[in-house]
Amino acid sequence: MNGLGVGGSASPDLINAANAILYGFMTVTCFAGPWFTNALGFRWTLALGSLGYPVYAAGLYCNNRFGNIWFVYVGAVACGISAGFFWSVEGAIATGYPESHKRGRYIATWFSFRNFGNIIGGSIALSVNHKTNKLGKVGYETYQAFIAIQCLGFFAGLLLSNPDKVQRDDGTRINAPRDINWLTELKANWKLATGKHMLLLTPLFWYFGWIQAYPGTYLATYFTVRSRALASFLSAVVGTFATWLSGTIVDLPWARSRKTRAISAYILIALLNSATWIWAVIIQNEFRHTRPQLDWAVQSTFGRGFGVYMFERLSLGMVENYIYWCISNLSDSPGDQIRYSSLLRGIETAGVAVGFGVQAVPTALIATASINLGFWFFALPFGWYATLRVVRKFNQLDSERKEGLQNVEPVASA
């Protein structure tokens, strides 16, 4: 829904404020994810975590059709509480279930399914709003389709197999103990949160969360309704391509060294993000003076503004896949993976909450774009050193796995 530009609303300030509240609650529930999952298990945490989404969509629908404001905030709180648990456990599933050498592609598959939802939503929005060539809000029928799809999430979540029921392709099982004492869980989380790997990755997590407020506000400020619908559709396509590109580079054995693959992926991400945000600042500086109304019918002005938005989505997709690949290689334990995922999503959602809060003030977009650029260059060296440490950690775990397999005595056949 945010792919439509601030939820498809005509009022960026309202939706930015609601999103700030939503992600504020999500920050708390993301960090609480390991305790919730420990009590209920992966399957029920995933299913229950989906319940707030249709409530939020209903709030957007009522605001769009009837001008209702309070329900937007109710939906934001409901979604913030449930989605934090959803975000923490979905990351642990994508990173903790597959074998280590498949994780880049499994993460890409997960993001592809998520982007497929955006493709469906974007297609619906485009079909409903394709004639609306002016600024404003999308048609209320758009949200009806979103609500119907999101209501299926709870039942789909119940189809998940818990870790103890899963056997990987290589025959290994997933060890995910339950009923861990809350104090033991707290100590385990604190140990991971204060480790060098997490501290080095934190600026990259924060950057990824912070910048998410900008693209939607940019879209709602300068683009017509049908152009926003087109952006929602194409950003999902571009995001899917980006996550597969990043996931393929770190997984495929085109280079013998995992370090070479990881560094190659990070250099590509660094160059793409740097160029994108420099371009975004230049475009934004121009637009603050010209205040254009961009529509696909006027290609002379539409292409440049739309192009930088697409590159922002491409950059975001590659960064997202890469940071999940990093944490997926820090441990083979799903218990640790739910902790790492919760820490990542908690830091990310805190960044998103602050980003939307700042944008809701409102803040001039040229200032936001410049801060985005600054955050990226601040996170860049930390991400580099984190990459080197993650590769060393992976090689250590890989060596331990091989030693463990060599020490297992073969079982005699009957």
Protein backbone atom coordinates (compact mmCIF):
# COMPACT_ATOMS: atom_id res chain seq x y z
CA MET A 1 0.00 0.00 0.00
CA ASN A 2 2.86 2.35 0.71
CA GLY A 3 4.05 1.58 -2.82
CA LEU A 4 1.18 3.80 -3.96
CA GLY A 5 2.85 6.76 -2.27
CA VAL A 6 1.84 7.29 1.39
CA GLY A 7 -0.81 4.59 1.14
CA GLY A 8 -2.52 6.16 -1.88
CA SER A 9 -3.75 9.08 0.20
CA ALA A 10 -3.98 12.71 -0.87
CA SER A 11 -2.61 13.74 2.55
CA PRO A 12 1.06 12.77 3.00
CA ASP A 13 1.21 14.36 6.47
CA LEU A 14 -1.61 12.19 7.87
CA ILE A 15 -0.26 8.90 6.53
CA ASN A 16 3.34 9.75 7.44
CA ALA A 17 2.18 10.44 11.02
CA ALA A 18 0.20 7.17 11.07
CA ASN A 19 3.19 5.27 9.73
CA ALA A 20 5.41 6.82 12.40
CA ILE A 21 3.02 5.45 15.05
CA LEU A 22 2.76 2.09 13.28
CA TYR A 23 6.52 1.59 13.08
CA GLY A 24 6.97 2.89 16.61
CA PHE A 25 4.81 0.02 17.92
CA MET A 26 6.54 -2.36 15.52
CA THR A 27 9.91 -1.48 17.00
CA VAL A 28 8.75 -2.77 20.39
CA THR A 29 7.09 -5.93 19.05
CA CYS A 30 10.02 -6.71 16.74
CA PHE A 31 12.38 -6.75 19.69
CA ALA A 32 9.83 -8.89 21.59
CA GLY A 33 9.62 -11.36 18.70
CA PRO A 34 11.89 -14.06 20.21
CA TRP A 35 9.79 -14.28 23.41
CA PHE A 36 6.53 -14.41 21.46
CA THR A 37 7.85 -17.08 19.11
CA ASN A 38 9.30 -19.04 22.02
CA ALA A 39 5.83 -19.16 23.60
CA LEU A 40 3.67 -19.80 20.50
CA GLY A 41 6.01 -21.30 17.91
CA PHE A 42 6.83 -20.13 14.40
CA ARG A 43 3.51 -21.05 12.76
CA TRP A 44 1.15 -19.27 15.16
CA THR A 45 3.44 -16.24 15.42
CA LEU A 46 3.37 -15.89 11.63
CA ALA A 47 -0.41 -16.34 11.41
CA LEU A 48 -1.31 -13.99 14.29
CA GLY A 49 1.22 -11.45 13.08
CA SER A 50 -0.82 -10.94 9.90
CA LEU A 51 -4.04 -9.87 11.63
CA GLY A 52 -3.28 -6.14 11.84
CA TYR A 53 -2.73 -5.59 8.12
CA PRO A 54 -6.39 -5.66 6.98
CA VAL A 55 -7.31 -3.35 9.89
CA TYR A 56 -4.81 -0.79 8.65
CA ALA A 57 -6.07 -1.17 5.08
CA ALA A 58 -9.62 -0.64 6.37
CA GLY A 59 -8.49 2.58 8.03
CA LEU A 60 -7.06 3.84 4.74
CA TYR A 61 -10.29 2.85 2.97
CA CYS A 62 -12.48 4.75 5.44
CA ASN A 63 -10.25 7.80 5.24
CA ASN A 64 -10.28 7.70 1.45
CA ARG A 65 -14.05 7.25 1.09
CA PHE A 66 -15.53 8.97 4.14
CA GLY A 67 -12.78 11.30 5.35
CA ASN A 68 -12.45 9.35 8.61
CA ILE A 69 -9.17 10.08 10.42
CA TRP A 70 -9.32 8.27 13.78
CA PHE A 71 -9.65 4.84 12.18
CA VAL A 72 -6.34 5.41 10.33
CA TYR A 73 -4.60 5.72 13.70
CA VAL A 74 -6.46 2.70 15.14
CA GLY A 75 -5.37 0.66 12.13
CA ALA A 76 -1.81 1.91 12.50
CA VAL A 77 -1.67 0.78 16.15
CA ALA A 78 -3.25 -2.61 15.36
CA CYS A 79 -0.89 -3.23 12.47
CA GLY A 80 2.12 -2.02 14.45
CA ILE A 81 1.45 -4.46 17.28
CA SER A 82 0.92 -7.52 15.09
CA ALA A 83 3.31 -6.78 12.23
CA GLY A 84 6.34 -6.59 14.52
CA PHE A 85 5.90 -10.26 15.38
CA PHE A 86 5.25 -11.05 11.72
CA TRP A 87 8.40 -9.26 10.57
CA SER A 88 10.65 -10.92 13.16
CA VAL A 89 9.49 -14.47 12.45
CA GLU A 90 9.32 -14.23 8.65
CA GLY A 91 12.98 -13.21 8.56
CA ALA A 92 13.94 -16.13 10.79
CA ILE A 93 12.05 -18.54 8.51
CA ALA A 94 13.79 -17.28 5.38
CA THR A 95 17.26 -17.32 6.94
CA GLY A 96 17.02 -20.24 9.38
CA TYR A 97 15.19 -22.94 7.39
CA PRO A 98 17.48 -23.37 4.32
CA GLU A 99 21.01 -24.78 4.14
CA SER A 100 23.79 -22.18 4.31
CA HIS A 101 24.73 -22.33 0.63
CA LYS A 102 21.12 -21.63 -0.44
CA ARG A 103 20.32 -18.69 1.80
CA GLY A 104 20.88 -15.90 -0.71
CA ARG A 105 18.41 -17.52 -3.13
CA TYR A 106 15.92 -18.45 -0.39
CA ILE A 107 15.92 -14.84 0.81
CA ALA A 108 15.39 -13.76 -2.81
CA THR A 109 12.50 -16.24 -3.10
CA TRP A 110 10.92 -14.82 0.06
CA PHE A 111 11.22 -11.26 -1.25
CA SER A 112 9.82 -12.42 -4.61
CA PHE A 113 6.66 -13.72 -2.93
CA ARG A 114 6.39 -10.47 -0.99
CA ASN A 115 6.91 -8.43 -4.14
CA PHE A 116 4.36 -10.58 -5.95
CA GLY A 117 1.81 -9.22 -3.48
CA ASN A 118 2.91 -5.74 -4.51
CA ILE A 119 2.59 -6.70 -8.17
CA ILE A 120 -1.00 -7.85 -7.59
CA GLY A 121 -1.76 -4.71 -5.59
CA GLY A 122 -0.10 -2.49 -8.17
CA SER A 123 -2.04 -4.19 -10.98
CA ILE A 124 -5.32 -3.60 -9.14
CA ALA A 125 -4.41 0.02 -8.41
CA LEU A 126 -3.38 0.61 -12.02
CA SER A 127 -6.59 -0.91 -13.42
CA VAL A 128 -8.75 1.18 -11.07
CA ASN A 129 -6.87 4.49 -11.45
CA HIS A 130 -5.40 4.41 -14.98
CA LYS A 131 -7.56 7.36 -16.15
CA THR A 132 -6.81 9.68 -13.22
CA ASN A 133 -4.12 11.99 -14.62
CA LYS A 134 -4.02 14.48 -11.76
CA LEU A 135 -2.63 14.73 -8.24
CA GLY A 136 -4.74 13.38 -5.40
CA LYS A 137 -5.84 10.09 -3.89
CA VAL A 138 -6.43 6.69 -5.47
CA GLY A 139 -9.94 5.31 -5.90
CA TYR A 140 -11.41 3.68 -2.77
CA GLU A 141 -12.03 0.43 -4.70
CA THR A 142 -8.25 -0.13 -4.54
CA TYR A 143 -8.41 -0.81 -0.80
CA GLN A 144 -11.28 -3.29 -1.08
CA ALA A 145 -9.03 -5.64 -3.02
CA PHE A 146 -6.19 -5.12 -0.55
CA ILE A 147 -8.41 -5.92 2.44
CA ALA A 148 -9.72 -9.11 0.81
CA ILE A 149 -6.19 -10.36 0.04
CA GLN A 150 -4.84 -9.47 3.48
CA CYS A 151 -7.63 -11.32 5.27
CA LEU A 152 -6.26 -14.53 3.74
CA GLY A 153 -2.92 -14.03 5.46
CA PHE A 154 -3.94 -15.61 8.77
CA PHE A 155 -5.08 -18.84 7.12
CA ALA A 156 -2.02 -18.99 4.87
CA GLY A 157 0.24 -18.60 7.90
CA LEU A 158 -1.24 -21.72 9.47
CA LEU A 159 0.13 -23.78 6.56
CA LEU A 160 3.71 -23.23 7.75
CA SER A 161 5.62 -26.19 9.19
CA ASN A 162 7.32 -25.50 12.51
CA PRO A 163 11.13 -26.02 12.51
CA ASP A 164 10.96 -29.39 14.29
CA LYS A 165 8.86 -30.76 11.40
CA VAL A 166 11.30 -29.67 8.69
CA GLN A 167 14.02 -31.75 7.06
CA ARG A 168 16.37 -30.00 4.64
CA ASP A 169 17.37 -31.37 1.25
CA ASP A 170 20.75 -32.47 2.61
CA GLY A 171 19.04 -34.54 5.31
CA THR A 172 19.82 -32.23 8.23
CA ARG A 173 17.21 -31.22 10.78
CA ILE A 174 16.52 -27.78 12.25
CA ASN A 175 17.22 -27.40 15.95
CA ALA A 176 14.88 -24.77 17.40
CA PRO A 177 14.26 -25.42 21.13
CA ARG A 178 11.13 -24.03 22.80
CA ASP A 179 10.20 -23.01 26.36
CA ILE A 180 13.45 -21.14 26.98
CA ASN A 181 13.52 -19.20 30.25
CA TRP A 182 12.83 -15.50 29.65
CA LEU A 183 16.03 -14.43 31.43
CA THR A 184 18.09 -16.87 29.38
CA GLU A 185 16.47 -15.47 26.25
CA LEU A 186 17.26 -11.92 27.37
CA LYS A 187 20.92 -12.77 27.94
CA ALA A 188 21.15 -14.46 24.54
CA ASN A 189 19.63 -11.42 22.84
CA TRP A 190 21.94 -9.03 24.65
CA LYS A 191 25.00 -11.07 23.69
CA LEU A 192 24.05 -10.96 20.01
CA ALA A 193 23.03 -7.28 20.12
CA THR A 194 26.40 -6.20 21.57
CA GLY A 195 28.51 -8.42 19.30
CA LYS A 196 30.85 -6.76 16.80
CA HIS A 197 28.91 -8.12 13.83
CA MET A 198 25.65 -6.49 14.89
CA LEU A 199 27.29 -3.22 15.92
CA LEU A 200 28.98 -2.92 12.51
CA LEU A 201 25.74 -3.78 10.67
CA THR A 202 23.56 -1.40 12.74
CA PRO A 203 24.26 1.74 10.61
CA LEU A 204 23.25 -0.22 7.49
CA PHE A 205 20.05 -1.43 9.22
CA TRP A 206 19.22 2.11 10.32
CA TYR A 207 19.90 3.53 6.86
CA PHE A 208 17.61 0.95 5.27
CA GLY A 209 14.78 1.83 7.67
CA TRP A 210 15.22 5.60 7.63
CA ILE A 211 15.09 6.09 3.85
CA GLN A 212 11.75 4.27 3.40
CA ALA A 213 9.73 7.39 4.24
CA TYR A 214 11.18 9.41 1.39
CA PRO A 215 10.21 7.53 -1.83
CA GLY A 216 6.48 7.40 -1.03
CA THR A 217 6.32 11.07 -0.06
CA TYR A 218 8.26 11.99 -3.20
CA LEU A 219 5.80 9.96 -5.27
CA ALA A 220 2.71 11.54 -3.68
CA THR A 221 4.12 15.07 -4.01
CA TYR A 222 4.97 15.11 -7.70
CA PHE A 223 3.15 12.29 -9.51
CA THR A 224 -0.43 11.90 -10.73
CA VAL A 225 -2.60 9.14 -9.29
CA ARG A 226 -2.19 6.82 -12.27
CA SER A 227 1.57 7.39 -12.30
CA ARG A 228 1.70 6.41 -8.62
CA ALA A 229 -0.22 3.22 -9.45
CA LEU A 230 2.25 2.46 -12.24
CA ALA A 231 5.12 3.06 -9.82
CA SER A 232 3.56 0.66 -7.30
CA PHE A 233 3.44 -2.07 -9.95
CA LEU A 234 6.86 -1.52 -11.49
CA SER A 235 8.66 -1.00 -8.18
CA ALA A 236 7.68 -4.57 -7.22
CA VAL A 237 9.04 -5.89 -10.52
CA VAL A 238 12.28 -3.93 -10.08
CA GLY A 239 12.53 -4.98 -6.42
CA THR A 240 12.21 -8.65 -7.36
CA PHE A 241 14.97 -8.30 -9.94
CA ALA A 242 17.18 -6.50 -7.41
CA THR A 243 16.86 -9.11 -4.70
CA TRP A 244 17.58 -11.95 -7.14
CA LEU A 245 20.60 -10.10 -8.49
CA SER A 246 22.04 -9.67 -5.01
CA GLY A 247 21.06 -13.19 -3.91
CA THR A 248 22.58 -14.76 -7.01
CA ILE A 249 25.90 -12.96 -6.66
CA VAL A 250 26.45 -14.16 -3.08
CA ASP A 251 25.29 -17.75 -3.74
CA LEU A 252 26.34 -18.95 -7.19
CA PRO A 253 29.78 -20.64 -7.31
CA TRP A 254 31.12 -18.42 -10.08
CA ALA A 255 34.02 -17.57 -7.79
CA ARG A 256 35.68 -20.09 -5.50
CA SER A 257 35.94 -17.65 -2.63
CA ARG A 258 32.85 -16.63 -0.70
CA LYS A 259 34.77 -13.52 0.29
CA THR A 260 35.09 -12.57 -3.39
CA ARG A 261 31.36 -13.01 -3.93
CA ALA A 262 30.41 -11.01 -0.83
CA ILE A 263 32.79 -8.17 -1.65
CA SER A 264 31.62 -8.09 -5.29
CA ALA A 265 28.00 -7.80 -4.15
CA TYR A 266 28.80 -5.07 -1.65
CA ILE A 267 30.83 -3.03 -4.16
CA LEU A 268 27.95 -3.22 -6.67
CA ILE A 269 25.48 -2.12 -3.96
CA ALA A 270 27.79 0.69 -2.85
CA LEU A 271 28.20 2.08 -6.37
CA LEU A 272 24.48 1.82 -7.17
CA ASN A 273 23.31 3.43 -3.90
CA SER A 274 25.87 6.23 -4.10
CA ALA A 275 24.92 7.12 -7.67
CA THR A 276 21.19 6.88 -6.92
CA TRP A 277 21.21 9.25 -3.93
CA ILE A 278 23.48 11.78 -5.62
CA TRP A 279 21.05 11.73 -8.56
CA ALA A 280 18.07 12.00 -6.17
CA VAL A 281 19.51 15.11 -4.50
CA ILE A 282 20.11 16.74 -7.91
CA ILE A 283 16.55 15.93 -9.10
CA GLN A 284 15.02 17.03 -5.81
CA ASN A 285 16.88 20.32 -5.88
CA GLU A 286 15.40 20.97 -9.32
CA PHE A 287 11.87 19.93 -8.34
CA ARG A 288 11.73 22.17 -5.27
CA HIS A 289 11.88 25.14 -7.64
CA THR A 290 9.76 23.84 -10.54
CA ARG A 291 7.12 21.89 -8.50
CA PRO A 292 6.17 19.68 -11.47
CA GLN A 293 3.04 17.51 -11.83
CA LEU A 294 4.45 14.38 -13.46
CA ASP A 295 2.30 12.12 -15.64
CA TRP A 296 3.33 9.43 -18.11
CA ALA A 297 1.62 11.33 -20.93
CA VAL A 298 4.35 14.01 -20.77
CA GLN A 299 7.55 12.04 -21.31
CA SER A 300 9.79 15.12 -21.43
CA THR A 301 9.39 15.65 -17.67
CA PHE A 302 8.16 12.24 -16.50
CA GLY A 303 11.13 10.02 -17.39
CA ARG A 304 13.81 11.58 -15.20
CA GLY A 305 11.64 11.87 -12.11
CA PHE A 306 10.23 8.36 -12.50
CA GLY A 307 13.64 6.90 -13.30
CA VAL A 308 15.24 8.03 -10.05
CA TYR A 309 12.32 6.50 -8.12
CA MET A 310 12.89 3.16 -9.88
CA PHE A 311 16.59 3.28 -9.04
CA GLU A 312 15.73 3.96 -5.41
CA ARG A 313 13.59 0.81 -5.38
CA LEU A 314 16.37 -1.16 -7.10
CA SER A 315 18.91 0.02 -4.54
CA LEU A 316 16.60 -0.76 -1.63
CA GLY A 317 15.96 -4.28 -2.92
CA MET A 318 19.65 -5.07 -3.18
CA VAL A 319 20.43 -3.64 0.27
CA GLU A 320 17.55 -5.58 1.83
CA ASN A 321 18.66 -8.92 0.41
CA TYR A 322 22.26 -8.27 1.38
CA ILE A 323 21.65 -7.39 5.03
CA TYR A 324 19.53 -10.52 5.46
CA TRP A 325 22.23 -12.59 3.81
CA CYS A 326 24.69 -11.13 6.31
CA ILE A 327 22.71 -12.08 9.41
CA SER A 328 21.80 -15.48 7.94
CA ASN A 329 25.49 -16.41 7.92
CA LEU A 330 26.17 -15.48 11.52
CA SER A 331 24.56 -18.63 12.96
CA ASP A 332 23.07 -21.98 11.92
CA SER A 333 20.62 -21.95 14.83
CA PRO A 334 16.99 -20.88 14.13
CA GLY A 335 16.91 -19.73 17.75
CA ASP A 336 19.71 -17.28 16.98
CA GLN A 337 18.14 -16.47 13.62
CA ILE A 338 14.89 -15.31 15.26
CA ARG A 339 17.03 -13.15 17.57
CA TYR A 340 19.10 -11.70 14.74
CA SER A 341 15.98 -11.12 12.64
CA SER A 342 14.22 -9.41 15.55
CA LEU A 343 17.21 -7.17 16.20
CA LEU A 344 17.47 -6.27 12.52
CA ARG A 345 13.76 -5.55 12.14
CA GLY A 346 13.69 -3.68 15.45
CA ILE A 347 16.52 -1.35 14.40
CA GLU A 348 15.00 -1.02 10.93
CA THR A 349 11.51 -0.18 12.21
CA ALA A 350 12.96 2.36 14.64
CA GLY A 351 14.60 4.02 11.66
CA VAL A 352 11.35 3.88 9.68
CA ALA A 353 9.38 5.36 12.58
CA VAL A 354 11.79 8.29 12.96
CA GLY A 355 11.91 8.77 9.18
CA PHE A 356 8.13 8.95 8.84
CA GLY A 357 7.91 11.14 11.94
CA VAL A 358 10.39 13.65 10.50
CA GLN A 359 8.61 13.60 7.14
CA ALA A 360 5.24 14.18 8.83
CA VAL A 361 6.38 17.49 10.38
CA PRO A 362 6.60 18.10 7.31
CA THR A 363 10.22 18.38 6.24
CA ALA A 364 11.37 19.71 2.87
CA LEU A 365 12.13 16.82 0.55
CA ILE A 366 15.48 18.29 -0.46
CA ALA A 367 16.52 18.10 3.20
CA THR A 368 15.34 14.48 3.48
CA ALA A 369 17.11 13.44 0.28
CA SER A 370 20.33 15.08 1.49
CA ILE A 371 20.08 13.30 4.86
CA ASN A 372 19.52 10.00 3.02
CA LEU A 373 22.72 10.59 1.09
CA GLY A 374 24.57 11.44 4.29
CA PHE A 375 23.32 8.34 6.12
CA TRP A 376 24.39 6.15 3.20
CA PHE A 377 27.96 7.44 3.17
CA PHE A 378 28.08 7.11 6.97
CA ALA A 379 26.94 3.46 6.80
CA LEU A 380 29.21 2.58 3.87
CA PRO A 381 32.51 1.89 5.74
CA PHE A 382 30.72 0.06 8.57
CA GLY A 383 29.06 -2.22 6.02
CA TRP A 384 32.44 -2.93 4.44
CA TYR A 385 34.03 -4.09 7.70
CA ALA A 386 30.87 -6.02 8.58
CA THR A 387 31.11 -7.86 5.25
CA LEU A 388 34.64 -9.03 6.03
CA ARG A 389 33.63 -10.20 9.52
CA VAL A 390 30.52 -11.99 8.24
CA VAL A 391 32.63 -13.93 5.71
CA ARG A 392 35.07 -14.97 8.44
CA LYS A 393 32.19 -16.07 10.66
CA PHE A 394 30.64 -18.06 7.80
CA ASN A 395 33.96 -19.81 7.07
CA GLN A 396 34.26 -20.71 10.75
CA LEU A 397 30.74 -22.18 10.86
CA ASP A 398 31.30 -23.99 7.55
CA SER A 399 34.47 -25.60 8.92
CA GLU A 400 32.61 -26.70 12.06
CA ARG A 401 29.80 -28.19 9.93
CA LYS A 402 32.26 -30.21 7.84
CA GLU A 403 34.05 -31.49 10.95
CA GLY A 404 30.71 -32.50 12.43
CA LEU A 405 29.74 -34.45 9.30
CA GLN A 406 33.11 -36.24 9.27
CA ASN A 407 32.68 -37.27 12.89
CA VAL A 408 29.24 -38.80 12.33
CA GLU A 409 29.49 -42.60 12.14
CA PRO A 410 27.57 -44.14 9.22
CA VAL A 411 24.51 -46.15 10.18
CA ALA A 412 24.75 -49.81 9.14
CA SER A 413 22.03 -50.93 6.77
CA ALA A 414 19.69 -53.70 7.82
